[in-house]
Amino acid sequence: LAKTSGKDFVQFAKALNISHSNIDGKICKTRQGNTSNANSFSKYGASSDRDNGTSGNRMTSLCGGTGKADATDGPRTSAQFLRDFIKDTLLGDGSKNWPTSTADSGKKPEPVTNDNANAVAKDLVALNRDEKTIVAGLLAKT
């Protein structure tokens, strides 16, 4: 996936959301930083800004990113998915954060080469056989 252009990946993701939104909901699902804190989900943004301070920052540009454990502000009370990742992190056109995320200076998670492509691939591998067949067909069309 890392060799796929951001534009092509966005086309694939949009097609997946339109035709199989149930699969879209299994890819790039953000996670809570603290499972006992309903407000600790990460939110997709153009750059990761999670820090170790007490501010409510917990934007992530990493597919499936984790929120801050101590976050107390809302409204990030639910997970976001591939469709949100495409809109808010890849800016709807794949011009940013593909295949590697970005972060504000000194913020987390720190980008690692091809981290977003690898995170998407990991989520795709976890799909069931029928879902993988659907995904493979859509990828072949892009």
N, C-alpha and C. Protein backbone atom coordinates (compact mmCIF):
# COMPACT_ATOMS: atom_id res chain seq x y z
N LEU A 1 0.80 -1.21 0.00
CA LEU A 1 0.00 0.00 0.00
C LEU A 1 0.84 1.27 0.00
N ALA A 2 2.04 1.19 0.53
CA ALA A 2 2.89 2.38 0.62
C ALA A 2 3.22 2.94 -0.76
N LYS A 3 3.21 2.09 -1.77
CA LYS A 3 3.52 2.54 -3.13
C LYS A 3 2.30 3.10 -3.85
N THR A 4 1.13 2.93 -3.27
CA THR A 4 -0.10 3.48 -3.83
C THR A 4 -0.13 4.97 -3.55
N SER A 5 -0.51 5.77 -4.53
CA SER A 5 -0.56 7.22 -4.31
C SER A 5 -1.69 7.55 -3.34
N GLY A 6 -1.55 8.67 -2.66
CA GLY A 6 -2.59 9.12 -1.75
C GLY A 6 -3.92 9.31 -2.46
N LYS A 7 -3.86 9.86 -3.67
CA LYS A 7 -5.07 10.09 -4.46
C LYS A 7 -5.78 8.77 -4.76
N ASP A 8 -5.02 7.75 -5.18
CA ASP A 8 -5.61 6.45 -5.49
C ASP A 8 -6.17 5.79 -4.23
N PHE A 9 -5.46 5.92 -3.12
CA PHE A 9 -5.96 5.33 -1.88
C PHE A 9 -7.28 5.98 -1.46
N VAL A 10 -7.38 7.28 -1.62
CA VAL A 10 -8.62 7.99 -1.28
C VAL A 10 -9.76 7.50 -2.17
N GLN A 11 -9.50 7.31 -3.46
CA GLN A 11 -10.55 6.80 -4.36
C GLN A 11 -11.03 5.43 -3.89
N PHE A 12 -10.08 4.56 -3.53
CA PHE A 12 -10.44 3.24 -3.02
C PHE A 12 -11.29 3.36 -1.76
N ALA A 13 -10.86 4.19 -0.82
CA ALA A 13 -11.56 4.32 0.46
C ALA A 13 -12.96 4.88 0.28
N LYS A 14 -13.11 5.85 -0.61
CA LYS A 14 -14.44 6.41 -0.86
C LYS A 14 -15.36 5.37 -1.48
N ALA A 15 -14.84 4.58 -2.42
CA ALA A 15 -15.63 3.51 -3.03
C ALA A 15 -16.03 2.48 -1.98
N LEU A 16 -15.13 2.16 -1.09
CA LEU A 16 -15.42 1.19 -0.03
C LEU A 16 -16.52 1.72 0.89
N ASN A 17 -16.45 2.97 1.25
CA ASN A 17 -17.46 3.56 2.13
C ASN A 17 -18.83 3.57 1.47
N ILE A 18 -18.88 3.87 0.19
CA ILE A 18 -20.15 3.92 -0.53
C ILE A 18 -20.77 2.53 -0.66
N SER A 19 -19.96 1.56 -1.04
CA SER A 19 -20.50 0.24 -1.34
C SER A 19 -20.52 -0.72 -0.15
N HIS A 20 -19.65 -0.53 0.81
CA HIS A 20 -19.54 -1.46 1.95
C HIS A 20 -19.14 -0.70 3.21
N SER A 21 -20.03 0.15 3.70
CA SER A 21 -19.70 0.99 4.86
C SER A 21 -19.42 0.15 6.11
N ASN A 22 -19.92 -1.07 6.16
CA ASN A 22 -19.63 -1.93 7.31
C ASN A 22 -18.15 -2.29 7.36
N ILE A 23 -17.51 -2.42 6.21
CA ILE A 23 -16.07 -2.70 6.17
C ILE A 23 -15.30 -1.43 6.53
N ASP A 24 -15.74 -0.29 6.02
CA ASP A 24 -15.11 0.99 6.34
C ASP A 24 -14.99 1.16 7.85
N GLY A 25 -16.00 0.71 8.58
CA GLY A 25 -16.01 0.83 10.04
C GLY A 25 -15.04 -0.08 10.76
N LYS A 26 -14.35 -0.95 10.03
CA LYS A 26 -13.36 -1.84 10.64
C LYS A 26 -11.93 -1.41 10.34
N ILE A 27 -11.78 -0.33 9.61
CA ILE A 27 -10.46 0.13 9.19
C ILE A 27 -10.19 1.51 9.80
N CYS A 28 -9.00 1.68 10.32
CA CYS A 28 -8.57 2.96 10.92
C CYS A 28 -9.49 3.40 12.06
N LYS A 29 -9.93 2.47 12.87
CA LYS A 29 -10.79 2.79 14.01
C LYS A 29 -9.92 3.37 15.13
N THR A 30 -10.22 4.61 15.51
CA THR A 30 -9.45 5.22 16.60
C THR A 30 -9.76 4.51 17.91
N ARG A 31 -8.81 4.62 18.83
CA ARG A 31 -8.93 3.92 20.12
C ARG A 31 -8.91 4.91 21.27
N GLN A 32 -9.46 4.45 22.39
CA GLN A 32 -9.44 5.25 23.61
C GLN A 32 -8.06 5.18 24.24
N GLY A 33 -7.63 6.29 24.81
CA GLY A 33 -6.39 6.30 25.57
C GLY A 33 -6.59 5.65 26.93
N ASN A 34 -7.83 5.63 27.40
CA ASN A 34 -8.17 5.05 28.69
C ASN A 34 -9.57 4.44 28.55
N THR A 35 -9.68 3.13 28.63
CA THR A 35 -10.96 2.47 28.40
C THR A 35 -12.03 2.83 29.42
N SER A 36 -11.65 3.39 30.56
CA SER A 36 -12.66 3.81 31.54
C SER A 36 -13.03 5.28 31.39
N ASN A 37 -12.47 5.96 30.40
CA ASN A 37 -12.78 7.37 30.16
C ASN A 37 -13.42 7.51 28.78
N ALA A 38 -14.71 7.73 28.75
CA ALA A 38 -15.44 7.81 27.48
C ALA A 38 -14.98 8.96 26.59
N ASN A 39 -14.33 9.96 27.15
CA ASN A 39 -13.88 11.11 26.37
C ASN A 39 -12.46 10.98 25.84
N SER A 40 -11.88 9.81 25.89
CA SER A 40 -10.46 9.69 25.56
C SER A 40 -10.16 9.18 24.16
N PHE A 41 -11.16 9.19 23.26
CA PHE A 41 -10.89 8.79 21.88
C PHE A 41 -10.07 9.86 21.17
N SER A 42 -9.24 9.42 20.28
CA SER A 42 -8.49 10.34 19.44
C SER A 42 -9.39 10.83 18.32
N LYS A 43 -9.08 11.98 17.77
CA LYS A 43 -9.82 12.55 16.65
C LYS A 43 -8.86 12.76 15.50
N TYR A 44 -9.29 12.42 14.28
CA TYR A 44 -8.42 12.60 13.13
C TYR A 44 -8.23 14.07 12.80
N GLY A 45 -6.99 14.41 12.45
CA GLY A 45 -6.65 15.76 12.05
C GLY A 45 -5.48 15.71 11.08
N ALA A 46 -5.09 16.87 10.59
CA ALA A 46 -4.02 16.95 9.59
C ALA A 46 -2.65 16.69 10.19
N SER A 47 -2.53 16.77 11.52
CA SER A 47 -1.25 16.53 12.18
C SER A 47 -1.50 16.05 13.60
N SER A 48 -0.70 15.10 14.06
CA SER A 48 -0.85 14.61 15.43
C SER A 48 -0.37 15.67 16.41
N ASP A 49 -1.11 15.83 17.52
CA ASP A 49 -0.71 16.85 18.50
C ASP A 49 -0.84 16.37 19.94
N ARG A 50 -0.91 15.06 20.14
CA ARG A 50 -1.04 14.54 21.51
C ARG A 50 0.24 14.83 22.28
N ASP A 51 0.08 15.25 23.53
CA ASP A 51 1.25 15.55 24.36
C ASP A 51 1.08 14.90 25.72
N ASN A 52 2.03 15.15 26.58
CA ASN A 52 1.98 14.58 27.92
C ASN A 52 1.41 15.54 28.95
N GLY A 53 1.01 16.71 28.51
CA GLY A 53 0.46 17.70 29.43
C GLY A 53 -1.01 17.45 29.71
N THR A 54 -1.65 18.42 30.35
CA THR A 54 -3.05 18.25 30.71
C THR A 54 -3.99 18.87 29.70
N SER A 55 -3.47 19.47 28.64
CA SER A 55 -4.35 20.05 27.63
C SER A 55 -5.13 18.94 26.94
N GLY A 56 -6.24 19.28 26.32
CA GLY A 56 -7.11 18.29 25.71
C GLY A 56 -6.68 17.82 24.34
N ASN A 57 -5.49 18.19 23.91
CA ASN A 57 -5.05 17.80 22.57
C ASN A 57 -5.00 16.29 22.42
N ARG A 58 -5.62 15.81 21.37
CA ARG A 58 -5.45 14.41 21.03
C ARG A 58 -5.83 14.16 19.58
N MET A 59 -5.45 15.07 18.73
CA MET A 59 -5.61 14.87 17.30
C MET A 59 -4.56 13.86 16.86
N THR A 60 -4.93 13.03 15.90
CA THR A 60 -3.97 12.08 15.37
C THR A 60 -4.04 12.08 13.86
N SER A 61 -2.89 11.90 13.24
CA SER A 61 -2.84 11.71 11.80
C SER A 61 -2.43 10.27 11.49
N LEU A 62 -2.48 9.42 12.51
CA LEU A 62 -2.12 8.01 12.36
C LEU A 62 -3.38 7.16 12.32
N CYS A 63 -3.51 6.35 11.30
CA CYS A 63 -4.65 5.43 11.16
C CYS A 63 -4.78 4.59 12.42
N GLY A 64 -5.93 4.67 13.08
CA GLY A 64 -6.17 3.90 14.30
C GLY A 64 -5.50 4.47 15.52
N GLY A 65 -5.17 5.75 15.50
CA GLY A 65 -4.46 6.39 16.60
C GLY A 65 -5.20 6.31 17.93
N THR A 66 -4.44 6.41 19.01
CA THR A 66 -4.96 6.32 20.37
C THR A 66 -5.03 7.70 20.99
N GLY A 67 -6.11 7.97 21.72
CA GLY A 67 -6.27 9.25 22.40
C GLY A 67 -5.47 9.33 23.69
N LYS A 68 -5.57 10.47 24.36
CA LYS A 68 -4.89 10.67 25.64
C LYS A 68 -5.65 9.98 26.75
N ALA A 69 -4.93 9.38 27.66
CA ALA A 69 -5.56 8.67 28.78
C ALA A 69 -6.27 9.61 29.74
N ASP A 70 -5.77 10.85 29.87
CA ASP A 70 -6.34 11.76 30.86
C ASP A 70 -7.29 12.78 30.26
N ALA A 71 -7.69 12.60 29.03
CA ALA A 71 -8.53 13.59 28.35
C ALA A 71 -9.89 13.70 29.03
N THR A 72 -10.31 14.93 29.28
CA THR A 72 -11.59 15.13 29.94
C THR A 72 -12.54 16.00 29.12
N ASP A 73 -12.07 16.54 28.02
CA ASP A 73 -12.95 17.38 27.21
C ASP A 73 -13.63 16.54 26.14
N GLY A 74 -14.74 17.00 25.63
CA GLY A 74 -15.46 16.31 24.57
C GLY A 74 -15.29 17.05 23.27
N PRO A 75 -15.95 16.65 22.24
CA PRO A 75 -16.96 15.60 22.20
C PRO A 75 -16.42 14.27 21.67
N ARG A 76 -15.19 13.98 21.88
CA ARG A 76 -14.58 12.77 21.31
C ARG A 76 -14.95 11.54 22.13
N THR A 77 -16.22 11.23 22.13
CA THR A 77 -16.73 10.12 22.94
C THR A 77 -16.94 8.85 22.13
N SER A 78 -16.58 8.87 20.86
CA SER A 78 -16.74 7.67 20.04
C SER A 78 -15.60 7.59 19.04
N ALA A 79 -15.42 6.39 18.53
CA ALA A 79 -14.34 6.14 17.58
C ALA A 79 -14.62 6.81 16.24
N GLN A 80 -13.55 7.06 15.50
CA GLN A 80 -13.65 7.49 14.12
C GLN A 80 -13.10 6.36 13.26
N PHE A 81 -13.39 6.43 11.95
CA PHE A 81 -13.08 5.31 11.06
C PHE A 81 -12.42 5.79 9.78
N LEU A 82 -12.26 4.87 8.83
CA LEU A 82 -11.59 5.17 7.57
C LEU A 82 -12.16 6.41 6.90
N ARG A 83 -13.47 6.54 6.83
CA ARG A 83 -14.09 7.69 6.17
C ARG A 83 -13.65 9.00 6.82
N ASP A 84 -13.49 9.01 8.15
CA ASP A 84 -13.04 10.21 8.86
C ASP A 84 -11.55 10.45 8.61
N PHE A 85 -10.79 9.37 8.58
CA PHE A 85 -9.35 9.44 8.29
C PHE A 85 -9.13 10.07 6.92
N ILE A 86 -9.92 9.66 5.95
CA ILE A 86 -9.81 10.20 4.59
C ILE A 86 -10.13 11.69 4.58
N LYS A 87 -11.24 12.05 5.22
CA LYS A 87 -11.70 13.44 5.19
C LYS A 87 -10.79 14.38 5.98
N ASP A 88 -10.43 14.00 7.20
CA ASP A 88 -9.74 14.91 8.10
C ASP A 88 -8.22 14.79 8.12
N THR A 89 -7.69 13.62 7.79
CA THR A 89 -6.25 13.41 7.84
C THR A 89 -5.62 13.45 6.46
N LEU A 90 -6.26 12.79 5.50
CA LEU A 90 -5.74 12.82 4.12
C LEU A 90 -6.33 13.99 3.35
N LEU A 91 -7.08 14.83 4.03
CA LEU A 91 -7.66 16.06 3.50
C LEU A 91 -8.60 15.83 2.32
N GLY A 92 -9.16 14.63 2.24
CA GLY A 92 -10.13 14.32 1.21
C GLY A 92 -9.57 14.03 -0.15
N ASP A 93 -8.26 14.28 -0.32
CA ASP A 93 -7.67 14.08 -1.65
C ASP A 93 -6.34 13.32 -1.61
N GLY A 94 -5.89 12.93 -0.43
CA GLY A 94 -4.64 12.17 -0.32
C GLY A 94 -3.39 13.01 -0.41
N SER A 95 -3.54 14.33 -0.28
CA SER A 95 -2.39 15.22 -0.45
C SER A 95 -1.50 15.30 0.79
N LYS A 96 -1.94 14.77 1.90
CA LYS A 96 -1.15 14.82 3.13
C LYS A 96 -1.29 13.51 3.89
N ASN A 97 -0.25 13.14 4.62
CA ASN A 97 -0.25 12.00 5.55
C ASN A 97 -0.36 10.62 4.89
N TRP A 98 -0.06 10.52 3.62
CA TRP A 98 -0.02 9.20 2.99
C TRP A 98 1.30 9.05 2.25
N PRO A 99 2.07 8.03 2.51
CA PRO A 99 1.82 6.87 3.36
C PRO A 99 2.29 7.05 4.81
N THR A 100 2.82 8.25 5.13
CA THR A 100 3.38 8.49 6.46
C THR A 100 2.64 9.63 7.15
N SER A 101 2.35 9.47 8.42
CA SER A 101 1.67 10.50 9.21
C SER A 101 2.60 11.68 9.47
N THR A 102 2.04 12.74 10.05
CA THR A 102 2.83 13.89 10.48
C THR A 102 2.43 14.24 11.91
N ALA A 103 3.32 14.95 12.61
CA ALA A 103 3.03 15.37 13.98
C ALA A 103 3.60 16.77 14.20
N ASP A 104 2.94 17.53 15.04
CA ASP A 104 3.47 18.82 15.44
C ASP A 104 4.77 18.58 16.20
N SER A 105 5.63 19.58 16.25
CA SER A 105 6.92 19.45 16.91
C SER A 105 6.78 18.98 18.36
N GLY A 106 7.45 17.89 18.69
CA GLY A 106 7.45 17.36 20.04
C GLY A 106 6.18 16.63 20.46
N LYS A 107 5.26 16.44 19.54
CA LYS A 107 3.99 15.79 19.87
C LYS A 107 3.99 14.33 19.44
N LYS A 108 2.99 13.60 19.90
CA LYS A 108 2.91 12.17 19.64
C LYS A 108 1.62 11.84 18.90
N PRO A 109 1.52 10.70 18.24
CA PRO A 109 2.62 9.76 18.01
C PRO A 109 3.58 10.30 16.97
N GLU A 110 4.85 10.00 17.17
CA GLU A 110 5.87 10.45 16.23
C GLU A 110 5.75 9.64 14.94
N PRO A 111 5.83 10.31 13.80
CA PRO A 111 5.71 9.61 12.52
C PRO A 111 6.84 8.60 12.30
N VAL A 112 6.49 7.49 11.69
CA VAL A 112 7.43 6.45 11.30
C VAL A 112 7.17 6.20 9.82
N THR A 113 8.21 6.06 9.03
CA THR A 113 8.05 5.88 7.59
C THR A 113 6.98 4.83 7.28
N ASN A 114 6.04 5.20 6.43
CA ASN A 114 4.94 4.34 5.96
C ASN A 114 4.00 3.87 7.07
N ASP A 115 3.93 4.59 8.18
CA ASP A 115 3.10 4.13 9.30
C ASP A 115 1.62 4.04 8.95
N ASN A 116 1.10 4.98 8.18
CA ASN A 116 -0.31 4.90 7.82
C ASN A 116 -0.58 3.75 6.86
N ALA A 117 0.27 3.56 5.88
CA ALA A 117 0.10 2.44 4.95
C ALA A 117 0.16 1.11 5.71
N ASN A 118 1.08 1.00 6.64
CA ASN A 118 1.21 -0.23 7.43
C ASN A 118 0.00 -0.45 8.34
N ALA A 119 -0.52 0.62 8.93
CA ALA A 119 -1.69 0.49 9.81
C ALA A 119 -2.92 0.06 9.01
N VAL A 120 -3.10 0.62 7.82
CA VAL A 120 -4.22 0.21 6.98
C VAL A 120 -4.06 -1.26 6.59
N ALA A 121 -2.85 -1.64 6.19
CA ALA A 121 -2.60 -3.03 5.80
C ALA A 121 -2.92 -3.99 6.95
N LYS A 122 -2.54 -3.61 8.16
CA LYS A 122 -2.82 -4.45 9.33
C LYS A 122 -4.33 -4.63 9.52
N ASP A 123 -5.08 -3.55 9.35
CA ASP A 123 -6.54 -3.64 9.48
C ASP A 123 -7.15 -4.49 8.37
N LEU A 124 -6.61 -4.40 7.16
CA LEU A 124 -7.12 -5.19 6.05
C LEU A 124 -6.87 -6.68 6.27
N VAL A 125 -5.71 -7.01 6.81
CA VAL A 125 -5.38 -8.41 7.08
C VAL A 125 -6.34 -9.00 8.12
N ALA A 126 -6.84 -8.18 9.02
CA ALA A 126 -7.74 -8.65 10.08
C ALA A 126 -9.18 -8.89 9.59
N LEU A 127 -9.50 -8.48 8.37
CA LEU A 127 -10.84 -8.69 7.84
C LEU A 127 -11.10 -10.17 7.57
N ASN A 128 -12.37 -10.54 7.50
CA ASN A 128 -12.68 -11.94 7.17
C ASN A 128 -12.49 -12.17 5.66
N ARG A 129 -12.60 -13.41 5.25
CA ARG A 129 -12.29 -13.78 3.86
C ARG A 129 -13.17 -13.04 2.86
N ASP A 130 -14.46 -12.98 3.11
CA ASP A 130 -15.37 -12.30 2.19
C ASP A 130 -15.05 -10.81 2.09
N GLU A 131 -14.75 -10.19 3.22
CA GLU A 131 -14.40 -8.77 3.23
C GLU A 131 -13.10 -8.53 2.47
N LYS A 132 -12.14 -9.42 2.64
CA LYS A 132 -10.87 -9.30 1.91
C LYS A 132 -11.09 -9.40 0.41
N THR A 133 -12.00 -10.26 -0.03
CA THR A 133 -12.30 -10.40 -1.45
C THR A 133 -12.89 -9.10 -2.00
N ILE A 134 -13.79 -8.49 -1.25
CA ILE A 134 -14.38 -7.21 -1.65
C ILE A 134 -13.31 -6.14 -1.74
N VAL A 135 -12.47 -6.06 -0.72
CA VAL A 135 -11.40 -5.06 -0.69
C VAL A 135 -10.44 -5.26 -1.86
N ALA A 136 -10.07 -6.50 -2.12
CA ALA A 136 -9.15 -6.79 -3.23
C ALA A 136 -9.74 -6.35 -4.56
N GLY A 137 -11.03 -6.57 -4.75
CA GLY A 137 -11.68 -6.14 -5.98
C GLY A 137 -11.67 -4.64 -6.14
N LEU A 138 -11.93 -3.92 -5.06
CA LEU A 138 -11.92 -2.45 -5.12
C LEU A 138 -10.50 -1.92 -5.32
N LEU A 139 -9.53 -2.54 -4.67
CA LEU A 139 -8.14 -2.11 -4.85
C LEU A 139 -7.68 -2.33 -6.29
N ALA A 140 -8.12 -3.42 -6.89
CA ALA A 140 -7.73 -3.72 -8.27
C ALA A 140 -8.27 -2.68 -9.24
N LYS A 141 -9.38 -2.04 -8.89
CA LYS A 141 -9.99 -1.03 -9.76
C LYS A 141 -9.32 0.33 -9.66
N THR A 142 -8.48 0.53 -8.64
CA THR A 142 -7.85 1.84 -8.47
C THR A 142 -6.48 1.88 -9.12
